[in-house]
Amino acid sequence: MHTSRMLFKCSDLFFHFPRNYTKNKSVICEKNIPYDQRFGKFTCGDIYYAPSKKRGRYPIFVNIHGGGFVAGDKKHRRAFAEYIADKGYFVFNVNHRLAPKYPFPAGIEDALNALNFVLTLADKYELDTNKIIISGDSAGAYYAAAALCSIYDKSFQDKLNLPVFNGKIKAFASFCGLFDPLKSMWKKSPLDIAKDVARCLLGIGVKDDIKDYPFIKELNLLNFVNKSWPKSFLVIAQADSLCGGQGEMLEEKLKAAGVEVTTYLAKDNGEFHCFHLLPFLKSAKLCLKAVDKFLIDIKEN
């Protein structure tokens, strides 16, 4: 097993209970709904909704889990999905294919297929397909943003041979996201974890030269941000040891393109990577209040 996979798997096991000890009984969950029949558990999602919170048709929140591109599972975001559903949203909390078995750009294809699938559920669940938020944390935020690159830049879509999304995205929400892997993955790190993630994601060997990688431009999503991007909400942690500085780079690009962006900047040392997933933290509660405002704005406007 790759060192990076072992590390991220251990992290998920360690944090699973602290992230998911709460249970919202008003939220209904339907598990393991396949959005792509080809890849088994990797392309399934869990549906969450709260009938008591429904006001008209449900706005949609598609959530993509993190895990360093090499690990992770939707089950580790169960409490977060319930939280969003309790705000009156229909949540599709999805798995995606993992590296190194499925290298770049497999996860982007999965994000787009998940978006297309949720459109097919509109009549059954009374969904408002004009109000879709695509969201993710860490590597999941990368895949969510990459889906937007494909939707709003045909050169990106064509180069990576990605599926066409047949709907409309209302908003994007990123939690401690990564957007330019080359800024993070080749720096020094304990046990060379960062480099191991890079090799897994790109499907290259130890001695391969990154300059020869055919999709090196497409790896950096900041190259494809444009004015067509939807309203965005970014959670950035200054003490983020994994994705530090990445959110700020995306914020700068979005503002330069004229995209409306709201940023929640967590400045305390205790507000670490993906702190928002730990509901008992005061910092997480404060962050989620800002999330609530964004959700209301998208739902009501």
C-alpha atoms as a PDB file:
ATOM      1  CA  MET A   1       0.000   0.000   0.000  1.00  0.00           C
ATOM      2  CA  HIS A   2       1.187   3.511  -0.763  1.00  0.00           C
ATOM      3  CA  THR A   3       2.258   5.515   2.288  1.00  0.00           C
ATOM      4  CA  SER A   4      -0.192   8.277   1.416  1.00  0.00           C
ATOM      5  CA  ARG A   5      -3.133   5.877   1.214  1.00  0.00           C
ATOM      6  CA  MET A   6      -2.258   4.423   4.604  1.00  0.00           C
ATOM      7  CA  LEU A   7      -2.006   7.887   6.161  1.00  0.00           C
ATOM      8  CA  PHE A   8      -5.339   9.144   4.818  1.00  0.00           C
ATOM      9  CA  LYS A   9      -7.121   5.894   5.669  1.00  0.00           C
ATOM     10  CA  CYS A  10      -5.847   6.117   9.249  1.00  0.00           C
ATOM     11  CA  SER A  11      -6.972   9.738   9.413  1.00  0.00           C
ATOM     12  CA  ASP A  12     -10.503   8.796   8.330  1.00  0.00           C
ATOM     13  CA  LEU A  13     -10.693   6.030  10.931  1.00  0.00           C
ATOM     14  CA  PHE A  14      -9.382   8.288  13.689  1.00  0.00           C
ATOM     15  CA  PHE A  15     -11.716  11.174  12.908  1.00  0.00           C
ATOM     16  CA  HIS A  16     -14.813   9.214  11.887  1.00  0.00           C
ATOM     17  CA  PHE A  17     -16.547   9.242  15.278  1.00  0.00           C
ATOM     18  CA  PRO A  18     -15.633  12.834  16.244  1.00  0.00           C
ATOM     19  CA  ARG A  19     -17.030  13.968  12.898  1.00  0.00           C
ATOM     20  CA  ASN A  20     -20.128  11.788  12.961  1.00  0.00           C
ATOM     21  CA  TYR A  21     -21.251  11.319  16.554  1.00  0.00           C
ATOM     22  CA  THR A  22     -24.319  13.493  16.016  1.00  0.00           C
ATOM     23  CA  LYS A  23     -27.486  12.110  14.431  1.00  0.00           C
ATOM     24  CA  ASN A  24     -30.351  14.152  13.006  1.00  0.00           C
ATOM     25  CA  LYS A  25     -33.542  12.105  13.214  1.00  0.00           C
ATOM     26  CA  SER A  26     -35.492  14.485  10.977  1.00  0.00           C
ATOM     27  CA  VAL A  27     -33.265  13.622   8.007  1.00  0.00           C
ATOM     28  CA  ILE A  28     -34.016  10.643   5.770  1.00  0.00           C
ATOM     29  CA  CYS A  29     -31.046   8.821   4.212  1.00  0.00           C
ATOM     30  CA  GLU A  30     -31.094   6.496   1.209  1.00  0.00           C
ATOM     31  CA  LYS A  31     -27.742   4.788   0.828  1.00  0.00           C
ATOM     32  CA  ASN A  32     -25.606   3.525  -2.030  1.00  0.00           C
ATOM     33  CA  ILE A  33     -27.503   4.907  -5.009  1.00  0.00           C
ATOM     34  CA  PRO A  34     -25.361   4.260  -8.123  1.00  0.00           C
ATOM     35  CA  TYR A  35     -24.835   7.279 -10.368  1.00  0.00           C
ATOM     36  CA  ASP A  36     -22.562   5.281 -12.704  1.00  0.00           C
ATOM     37  CA  GLN A  37     -23.060   1.522 -12.906  1.00  0.00           C
ATOM     38  CA  ARG A  38     -19.518   0.785 -14.123  1.00  0.00           C
ATOM     39  CA  PHE A  39     -17.436   1.198 -10.982  1.00  0.00           C
ATOM     40  CA  GLY A  40     -19.404  -0.261  -8.089  1.00  0.00           C
ATOM     41  CA  LYS A  41     -18.963   1.418  -4.684  1.00  0.00           C
ATOM     42  CA  PHE A  42     -16.698   4.101  -6.169  1.00  0.00           C
ATOM     43  CA  THR A  43     -19.575   5.681  -8.074  1.00  0.00           C
ATOM     44  CA  CYS A  44     -22.406   5.516  -5.574  1.00  0.00           C
ATOM     45  CA  GLY A  45     -23.936   8.265  -3.500  1.00  0.00           C
ATOM     46  CA  ASP A  46     -26.106   8.644  -0.404  1.00  0.00           C
ATOM     47  CA  ILE A  47     -29.217  10.826  -0.547  1.00  0.00           C
ATOM     48  CA  TYR A  48     -30.254  12.989   2.413  1.00  0.00           C
ATOM     49  CA  TYR A  49     -33.379  15.123   2.778  1.00  0.00           C
ATOM     50  CA  ALA A  50     -35.652  16.378   5.558  1.00  0.00           C
ATOM     51  CA  PRO A  51     -39.341  16.433   4.550  1.00  0.00           C
ATOM     52  CA  SER A  52     -40.212  18.643   7.524  1.00  0.00           C
ATOM     53  CA  LYS A  53     -37.852  21.332   6.198  1.00  0.00           C
ATOM     54  CA  LYS A  54     -39.130  21.266   2.620  1.00  0.00           C
ATOM     55  CA  ARG A  55     -40.435  24.576   1.276  1.00  0.00           C
ATOM     56  CA  GLY A  56     -41.402  24.110  -2.347  1.00  0.00           C
ATOM     57  CA  ARG A  57     -38.945  22.124  -4.435  1.00  0.00           C
ATOM     58  CA  TYR A  58     -35.664  21.126  -2.794  1.00  0.00           C
ATOM     59  CA  PRO A  59     -32.517  23.021  -3.765  1.00  0.00           C
ATOM     60  CA  ILE A  60     -29.652  20.573  -4.410  1.00  0.00           C
ATOM     61  CA  PHE A  61     -26.289  20.178  -2.681  1.00  0.00           C
ATOM     62  CA  VAL A  62     -23.850  17.739  -4.331  1.00  0.00           C
ATOM     63  CA  ASN A  63     -21.010  16.966  -1.918  1.00  0.00           C
ATOM     64  CA  ILE A  64     -17.660  15.363  -2.797  1.00  0.00           C
ATOM     65  CA  HIS A  65     -15.474  13.984   0.005  1.00  0.00           C
ATOM     66  CA  GLY A  66     -11.761  14.617   0.399  1.00  0.00           C
ATOM     67  CA  GLY A  67      -9.014  12.136   1.165  1.00  0.00           C
ATOM     68  CA  GLY A  68      -5.896  13.234  -0.647  1.00  0.00           C
ATOM     69  CA  PHE A  69      -7.198  11.776  -3.951  1.00  0.00           C
ATOM     70  CA  VAL A  70      -6.190   8.323  -2.685  1.00  0.00           C
ATOM     71  CA  ALA A  71      -8.639   7.535   0.125  1.00  0.00           C
ATOM     72  CA  GLY A  72     -11.906   8.609   1.716  1.00  0.00           C
ATOM     73  CA  ASP A  73     -15.534   7.569   1.625  1.00  0.00           C
ATOM     74  CA  LYS A  74     -18.899   9.308   1.682  1.00  0.00           C
ATOM     75  CA  LYS A  75     -19.722   7.673   5.045  1.00  0.00           C
ATOM     76  CA  HIS A  76     -17.148   9.917   6.711  1.00  0.00           C
ATOM     77  CA  ARG A  77     -19.266  12.959   5.707  1.00  0.00           C
ATOM     78  CA  ARG A  78     -22.562  11.602   7.013  1.00  0.00           C
ATOM     79  CA  ALA A  79     -23.096  14.206   9.768  1.00  0.00           C
ATOM     80  CA  PHE A  80     -22.113  17.064   7.455  1.00  0.00           C
ATOM     81  CA  ALA A  81     -24.595  15.834   4.835  1.00  0.00           C
ATOM     82  CA  GLU A  82     -27.317  15.631   7.482  1.00  0.00           C
ATOM     83  CA  TYR A  83     -26.517  19.162   8.591  1.00  0.00           C
ATOM     84  CA  ILE A  84     -26.995  20.531   5.070  1.00  0.00           C
ATOM     85  CA  ALA A  85     -30.168  18.485   4.542  1.00  0.00           C
ATOM     86  CA  ASP A  86     -31.607  19.891   7.773  1.00  0.00           C
ATOM     87  CA  LYS A  87     -31.348  23.351   6.165  1.00  0.00           C
ATOM     88  CA  GLY A  88     -33.898  22.272   3.556  1.00  0.00           C
ATOM     89  CA  TYR A  89     -31.537  20.928   0.896  1.00  0.00           C
ATOM     90  CA  PHE A  90     -31.560  17.665  -1.037  1.00  0.00           C
ATOM     91  CA  VAL A  91     -28.032  16.353  -0.543  1.00  0.00           C
ATOM     92  CA  PHE A  92     -26.291  13.894  -2.840  1.00  0.00           C
ATOM     93  CA  ASN A  93     -23.163  12.868  -0.914  1.00  0.00           C
ATOM     94  CA  VAL A  94     -21.000  10.934  -3.350  1.00  0.00           C
ATOM     95  CA  ASN A  95     -18.027   8.637  -3.593  1.00  0.00           C
ATOM     96  CA  HIS A  96     -15.583   8.909  -6.476  1.00  0.00           C
ATOM     97  CA  ARG A  97     -12.842   6.756  -7.936  1.00  0.00           C
ATOM     98  CA  LEU A  98      -9.546   6.854  -6.083  1.00  0.00           C
ATOM     99  CA  ALA A  99      -5.929   6.977  -7.229  1.00  0.00           C
ATOM    100  CA  PRO A 100      -3.671   5.200  -7.979  1.00  0.00           C
ATOM    101  CA  LYS A 101      -6.084   2.641  -9.465  1.00  0.00           C
ATOM    102  CA  TYR A 102      -7.999   5.441 -11.128  1.00  0.00           C
ATOM    103  CA  PRO A 103      -5.647   8.371 -11.820  1.00  0.00           C
ATOM    104  CA  PHE A 104      -6.455  11.863 -13.070  1.00  0.00           C
ATOM    105  CA  PRO A 105      -8.942  12.791 -14.501  1.00  0.00           C
ATOM    106  CA  ALA A 106     -11.231   9.956 -13.316  1.00  0.00           C
ATOM    107  CA  GLY A 107     -12.520  11.897 -10.298  1.00  0.00           C
ATOM    108  CA  ILE A 108     -13.552  14.835 -12.472  1.00  0.00           C
ATOM    109  CA  GLU A 109     -15.554  12.546 -14.739  1.00  0.00           C
ATOM    110  CA  ASP A 110     -17.260  11.134 -11.639  1.00  0.00           C
ATOM    111  CA  ALA A 111     -18.189  14.608 -10.371  1.00  0.00           C
ATOM    112  CA  LEU A 112     -19.809  15.460 -13.702  1.00  0.00           C
ATOM    113  CA  ASN A 113     -21.634  12.129 -13.889  1.00  0.00           C
ATOM    114  CA  ALA A 114     -22.951  12.651 -10.354  1.00  0.00           C
ATOM    115  CA  LEU A 115     -24.260  16.075 -11.359  1.00  0.00           C
ATOM    116  CA  ASN A 116     -25.981  14.661 -14.429  1.00  0.00           C
ATOM    117  CA  PHE A 117     -27.486  11.818 -12.405  1.00  0.00           C
ATOM    118  CA  VAL A 118     -29.031  14.107  -9.815  1.00  0.00           C
ATOM    119  CA  LEU A 119     -30.934  15.832 -12.628  1.00  0.00           C
ATOM    120  CA  THR A 120     -32.725  12.532 -13.282  1.00  0.00           C
ATOM    121  CA  LEU A 121     -34.076  12.564  -9.715  1.00  0.00           C
ATOM    122  CA  ALA A 122     -35.855  15.897 -10.106  1.00  0.00           C
ATOM    123  CA  ASP A 123     -39.389  14.589 -10.571  1.00  0.00           C
ATOM    124  CA  LYS A 124     -39.189  11.805  -7.994  1.00  0.00           C
ATOM    125  CA  TYR A 125     -37.925  14.047  -5.180  1.00  0.00           C
ATOM    126  CA  GLU A 126     -39.309  17.414  -6.350  1.00  0.00           C
ATOM    127  CA  LEU A 127     -35.923  19.055  -6.895  1.00  0.00           C
ATOM    128  CA  ASP A 128     -35.198  22.584  -8.070  1.00  0.00           C
ATOM    129  CA  THR A 129     -32.557  21.932 -10.721  1.00  0.00           C
ATOM    130  CA  ASN A 130     -31.971  25.665 -11.117  1.00  0.00           C
ATOM    131  CA  LYS A 131     -30.483  25.736  -7.628  1.00  0.00           C
ATOM    132  CA  ILE A 132     -27.574  23.292  -7.563  1.00  0.00           C
ATOM    133  CA  ILE A 133     -24.594  23.823  -5.286  1.00  0.00           C
ATOM    134  CA  ILE A 134     -21.529  21.722  -6.005  1.00  0.00           C
ATOM    135  CA  SER A 135     -19.264  21.368  -2.996  1.00  0.00           C
ATOM    136  CA  GLY A 136     -16.320  19.474  -1.626  1.00  0.00           C
ATOM    137  CA  ASP A 137     -13.594  19.508   0.970  1.00  0.00           C
ATOM    138  CA  SER A 138      -9.855  19.210   0.317  1.00  0.00           C
ATOM    139  CA  ALA A 139      -9.404  16.938  -2.734  1.00  0.00           C
ATOM    140  CA  GLY A 140     -13.191  16.851  -3.067  1.00  0.00           C
ATOM    141  CA  ALA A 141     -13.163  20.622  -3.524  1.00  0.00           C
ATOM    142  CA  TYR A 142     -10.593  20.112  -6.282  1.00  0.00           C
ATOM    143  CA  TYR A 143     -12.939  17.763  -8.119  1.00  0.00           C
ATOM    144  CA  ALA A 144     -15.894  20.109  -7.611  1.00  0.00           C
ATOM    145  CA  ALA A 145     -13.876  23.027  -8.999  1.00  0.00           C
ATOM    146  CA  ALA A 146     -12.572  20.859 -11.845  1.00  0.00           C
ATOM    147  CA  ALA A 147     -16.164  20.050 -12.799  1.00  0.00           C
ATOM    148  CA  LEU A 148     -16.756  23.799 -13.093  1.00  0.00           C
ATOM    149  CA  CYS A 149     -13.637  24.123 -15.268  1.00  0.00           C
ATOM    150  CA  SER A 150     -15.104  21.520 -17.596  1.00  0.00           C
ATOM    151  CA  ILE A 151     -18.551  23.130 -17.651  1.00  0.00           C
ATOM    152  CA  TYR A 152     -17.277  26.654 -18.314  1.00  0.00           C
ATOM    153  CA  ASP A 153     -14.201  26.038 -20.482  1.00  0.00           C
ATOM    154  CA  LYS A 154     -14.616  23.772 -23.498  1.00  0.00           C
ATOM    155  CA  SER A 155     -10.842  23.468 -24.011  1.00  0.00           C
ATOM    156  CA  PHE A 156     -10.567  21.844 -20.566  1.00  0.00           C
ATOM    157  CA  GLN A 157     -13.458  19.509 -21.292  1.00  0.00           C
ATOM    158  CA  ASP A 158     -12.123  18.513 -24.705  1.00  0.00           C
ATOM    159  CA  LYS A 159      -8.524  17.960 -23.584  1.00  0.00           C
ATOM    160  CA  LEU A 160      -9.609  15.598 -20.810  1.00  0.00           C
ATOM    161  CA  ASN A 161     -12.473  14.055 -22.814  1.00  0.00           C
ATOM    162  CA  LEU A 162     -14.990  14.768 -20.065  1.00  0.00           C
ATOM    163  CA  PRO A 163     -18.773  14.311 -20.189  1.00  0.00           C
ATOM    164  CA  VAL A 164     -21.047  17.260 -20.876  1.00  0.00           C
ATOM    165  CA  PHE A 165     -23.127  18.508 -17.945  1.00  0.00           C
ATOM    166  CA  ASN A 166     -26.718  19.060 -19.056  1.00  0.00           C
ATOM    167  CA  GLY A 167     -27.817  21.402 -16.289  1.00  0.00           C
ATOM    168  CA  LYS A 168     -26.916  24.653 -14.576  1.00  0.00           C
ATOM    169  CA  ILE A 169     -24.809  25.261 -11.462  1.00  0.00           C
ATOM    170  CA  LYS A 170     -26.066  27.967  -9.111  1.00  0.00           C
ATOM    171  CA  ALA A 171     -23.131  28.022  -6.669  1.00  0.00           C
ATOM    172  CA  PHE A 172     -19.833  26.491  -5.587  1.00  0.00           C
ATOM    173  CA  ALA A 173     -18.756  25.838  -1.988  1.00  0.00           C
ATOM    174  CA  SER A 174     -15.188  24.886  -1.099  1.00  0.00           C
ATOM    175  CA  PHE A 175     -13.910  23.776   2.289  1.00  0.00           C
ATOM    176  CA  CYS A 176     -10.104  23.884   2.645  1.00  0.00           C
ATOM    177  CA  GLY A 177      -9.768  23.088  -1.031  1.00  0.00           C
ATOM    178  CA  LEU A 178      -6.786  22.367  -3.236  1.00  0.00           C
ATOM    179  CA  PHE A 179      -6.682  23.897  -6.723  1.00  0.00           C
ATOM    180  CA  ASP A 180      -3.079  23.853  -7.943  1.00  0.00           C
ATOM    181  CA  PRO A 181      -1.592  20.456  -6.980  1.00  0.00           C
ATOM    182  CA  LEU A 182       1.819  21.407  -8.349  1.00  0.00           C
ATOM    183  CA  LYS A 183       2.129  24.003  -5.574  1.00  0.00           C
ATOM    184  CA  SER A 184       1.662  21.388  -2.869  1.00  0.00           C
ATOM    185  CA  MET A 185       2.508  17.954  -4.125  1.00  0.00           C
ATOM    186  CA  TRP A 186       6.193  18.345  -4.911  1.00  0.00           C
ATOM    187  CA  LYS A 187       7.246  20.146  -1.745  1.00  0.00           C
ATOM    188  CA  LYS A 188       9.101  18.380   1.055  1.00  0.00           C
ATOM    189  CA  SER A 189       6.881  16.510   3.501  1.00  0.00           C
ATOM    190  CA  PRO A 190       7.277  13.726   6.110  1.00  0.00           C
ATOM    191  CA  LEU A 191       7.877  10.370   4.407  1.00  0.00           C
ATOM    192  CA  ASP A 192       7.467  12.197   1.085  1.00  0.00           C
ATOM    193  CA  ILE A 193       3.694  11.899   1.455  1.00  0.00           C
ATOM    194  CA  ALA A 194       3.037  14.821  -0.894  1.00  0.00           C
ATOM    195  CA  LYS A 195       5.123  13.324  -3.685  1.00  0.00           C
ATOM    196  CA  ASP A 196       3.485   9.945  -3.186  1.00  0.00           C
ATOM    197  CA  VAL A 197       0.039  11.547  -3.594  1.00  0.00           C
ATOM    198  CA  ALA A 198       1.244  13.234  -6.784  1.00  0.00           C
ATOM    199  CA  ARG A 199       2.514   9.985  -8.276  1.00  0.00           C
ATOM    200  CA  CYS A 200      -0.724   8.221  -7.378  1.00  0.00           C
ATOM    201  CA  LEU A 201      -2.943  10.958  -8.818  1.00  0.00           C
ATOM    202  CA  LEU A 202      -0.967  11.361 -12.034  1.00  0.00           C
ATOM    203  CA  GLY A 203      -0.193   7.688 -12.543  1.00  0.00           C
ATOM    204  CA  ILE A 204       3.539   8.271 -12.961  1.00  0.00           C
ATOM    205  CA  GLY A 205       6.630   6.530 -11.596  1.00  0.00           C
ATOM    206  CA  VAL A 206       9.250   7.806  -9.180  1.00  0.00           C
ATOM    207  CA  LYS A 207      11.712   8.609 -11.958  1.00  0.00           C
ATOM    208  CA  ASP A 208       9.235  10.125 -14.409  1.00  0.00           C
ATOM    209  CA  ASP A 209       9.621  13.801 -15.220  1.00  0.00           C
ATOM    210  CA  ILE A 210       6.510  15.827 -14.340  1.00  0.00           C
ATOM    211  CA  LYS A 211       7.287  18.132 -17.268  1.00  0.00           C
ATOM    212  CA  ASP A 212       6.374  15.299 -19.629  1.00  0.00           C
ATOM    213  CA  TYR A 213       2.934  14.819 -18.080  1.00  0.00           C
ATOM    214  CA  PRO A 214       0.369  15.435 -20.865  1.00  0.00           C
ATOM    215  CA  PHE A 215      -2.182  17.259 -18.697  1.00  0.00           C
ATOM    216  CA  ILE A 216       0.164  19.499 -16.760  1.00  0.00           C
ATOM    217  CA  LYS A 217      -1.761  22.651 -17.714  1.00  0.00           C
ATOM    218  CA  GLU A 218      -5.103  21.105 -16.803  1.00  0.00           C
ATOM    219  CA  LEU A 219      -3.825  20.044 -13.373  1.00  0.00           C
ATOM    220  CA  ASN A 220      -3.785  23.681 -12.292  1.00  0.00           C
ATOM    221  CA  LEU A 221      -7.446  24.653 -12.160  1.00  0.00           C
ATOM    222  CA  LEU A 222      -6.541  28.288 -11.641  1.00  0.00           C
ATOM    223  CA  ASN A 223      -5.695  28.386 -15.352  1.00  0.00           C
ATOM    224  CA  PHE A 224      -9.388  27.897 -16.174  1.00  0.00           C
ATOM    225  CA  VAL A 225     -11.238  30.227 -13.820  1.00  0.00           C
ATOM    226  CA  ASN A 226     -13.390  32.678 -15.783  1.00  0.00           C
ATOM    227  CA  LYS A 227     -16.308  35.068 -15.470  1.00  0.00           C
ATOM    228  CA  SER A 228     -18.856  32.313 -16.121  1.00  0.00           C
ATOM    229  CA  TRP A 229     -18.189  30.613 -12.789  1.00  0.00           C
ATOM    230  CA  PRO A 230     -21.111  30.681 -10.338  1.00  0.00           C
ATOM    231  CA  LYS A 231     -21.319  32.504  -7.028  1.00  0.00           C
ATOM    232  CA  SER A 232     -18.711  30.937  -4.736  1.00  0.00           C
ATOM    233  CA  PHE A 233     -18.193  30.378  -1.015  1.00  0.00           C
ATOM    234  CA  LEU A 234     -14.678  29.562   0.204  1.00  0.00           C
ATOM    235  CA  VAL A 235     -13.669  28.318   3.651  1.00  0.00           C
ATOM    236  CA  ILE A 236      -9.950  28.940   4.162  1.00  0.00           C
ATOM    237  CA  ALA A 237      -7.897  27.979   7.228  1.00  0.00           C
ATOM    238  CA  GLN A 238      -4.669  29.933   7.665  1.00  0.00           C
ATOM    239  CA  ALA A 239      -3.233  27.082   9.757  1.00  0.00           C
ATOM    240  CA  ASP A 240      -3.966  24.524   7.028  1.00  0.00           C
ATOM    241  CA  SER A 241      -0.822  22.413   6.699  1.00  0.00           C
ATOM    242  CA  LEU A 242      -2.118  20.505   3.669  1.00  0.00           C
ATOM    243  CA  CYS A 243      -3.747  23.142   1.470  1.00  0.00           C
ATOM    244  CA  GLY A 244      -2.458  26.391   2.921  1.00  0.00           C
ATOM    245  CA  GLY A 245      -2.526  29.288   0.463  1.00  0.00           C
ATOM    246  CA  GLN A 246      -4.656  27.449  -2.083  1.00  0.00           C
ATOM    247  CA  GLY A 247      -7.956  29.047  -1.187  1.00  0.00           C
ATOM    248  CA  GLU A 248      -6.415  32.499  -1.310  1.00  0.00           C
ATOM    249  CA  MET A 249      -5.166  31.845  -4.849  1.00  0.00           C
ATOM    250  CA  LEU A 250      -8.626  30.807  -6.010  1.00  0.00           C
ATOM    251  CA  GLU A 251     -10.200  33.795  -4.265  1.00  0.00           C
ATOM    252  CA  GLU A 252      -7.858  36.127  -6.144  1.00  0.00           C
ATOM    253  CA  LYS A 253      -8.651  34.483  -9.490  1.00  0.00           C
ATOM    254  CA  LEU A 254     -12.409  34.598  -8.888  1.00  0.00           C
ATOM    255  CA  LYS A 255     -12.375  38.254  -7.928  1.00  0.00           C
ATOM    256  CA  ALA A 256     -10.206  39.128 -10.930  1.00  0.00           C
ATOM    257  CA  ALA A 257     -12.750  37.376 -13.173  1.00  0.00           C
ATOM    258  CA  GLY A 258     -15.609  39.329 -11.634  1.00  0.00           C
ATOM    259  CA  VAL A 259     -17.194  36.319  -9.891  1.00  0.00           C
ATOM    260  CA  GLU A 260     -19.085  37.006  -6.670  1.00  0.00           C
ATOM    261  CA  VAL A 261     -17.190  35.252  -3.868  1.00  0.00           C
ATOM    262  CA  THR A 262     -17.713  35.061  -0.119  1.00  0.00           C
ATOM    263  CA  THR A 263     -14.720  33.975   1.955  1.00  0.00           C
ATOM    264  CA  TYR A 264     -14.717  32.624   5.494  1.00  0.00           C
ATOM    265  CA  LEU A 265     -11.163  33.026   6.754  1.00  0.00           C
ATOM    266  CA  ALA A 266     -10.331  30.977   9.852  1.00  0.00           C
ATOM    267  CA  LYS A 267      -7.334  32.594  11.541  1.00  0.00           C
ATOM    268  CA  ASP A 268      -6.816  30.597  14.757  1.00  0.00           C
ATOM    269  CA  ASN A 269      -4.100  27.961  15.025  1.00  0.00           C
ATOM    270  CA  GLY A 270      -6.734  25.458  16.133  1.00  0.00           C
ATOM    271  CA  GLU A 271      -8.636  25.909  12.917  1.00  0.00           C
ATOM    272  CA  PHE A 272      -6.790  23.266  10.946  1.00  0.00           C
ATOM    273  CA  HIS A 273      -7.490  21.449   7.685  1.00  0.00           C
ATOM    274  CA  CYS A 274     -11.218  20.653   7.387  1.00  0.00           C
ATOM    275  CA  PHE A 275     -11.945  21.813  10.945  1.00  0.00           C
ATOM    276  CA  HIS A 276     -15.552  22.443   9.911  1.00  0.00           C
ATOM    277  CA  LEU A 277     -16.267  18.698   9.991  1.00  0.00           C
ATOM    278  CA  LEU A 278     -15.855  18.508  13.795  1.00  0.00           C
ATOM    279  CA  PRO A 279     -19.235  19.762  15.093  1.00  0.00           C
ATOM    280  CA  PHE A 280     -18.141  20.106  18.724  1.00  0.00           C
ATOM    281  CA  LEU A 281     -15.530  22.764  17.924  1.00  0.00           C
ATOM    282  CA  LYS A 282     -16.523  26.372  18.564  1.00  0.00           C
ATOM    283  CA  SER A 283     -14.668  27.303  15.368  1.00  0.00           C
ATOM    284  CA  ALA A 284     -16.729  24.784  13.375  1.00  0.00           C
ATOM    285  CA  LYS A 285     -19.971  26.187  14.760  1.00  0.00           C
ATOM    286  CA  LEU A 286     -18.950  29.715  13.782  1.00  0.00           C
ATOM    287  CA  CYS A 287     -17.974  28.542  10.305  1.00  0.00           C
ATOM    288  CA  LEU A 288     -21.260  26.701   9.816  1.00  0.00           C
ATOM    289  CA  LYS A 289     -23.201  29.847  10.719  1.00  0.00           C
ATOM    290  CA  ALA A 290     -21.529  31.503   7.728  1.00  0.00           C
ATOM    291  CA  VAL A 291     -22.398  28.430   5.644  1.00  0.00           C
ATOM    292  CA  ASP A 292     -26.028  28.772   6.769  1.00  0.00           C
ATOM    293  CA  LYS A 293     -26.194  32.325   5.413  1.00  0.00           C
ATOM    294  CA  PHE A 294     -24.827  31.182   2.072  1.00  0.00           C
ATOM    295  CA  LEU A 295     -27.329  28.309   1.882  1.00  0.00           C
ATOM    296  CA  ILE A 296     -30.233  30.661   2.627  1.00  0.00           C
ATOM    297  CA  ASP A 297     -29.046  33.115  -0.008  1.00  0.00           C
ATOM    298  CA  ILE A 298     -28.884  30.421  -2.695  1.00  0.00           C
ATOM    299  CA  LYS A 299     -32.217  28.916  -1.679  1.00  0.00           C
ATOM    300  CA  GLU A 300     -34.124  32.201  -1.576  1.00  0.00           C
ATOM    301  CA  ASN A 301     -32.613  34.064  -4.517  1.00  0.00           C
END
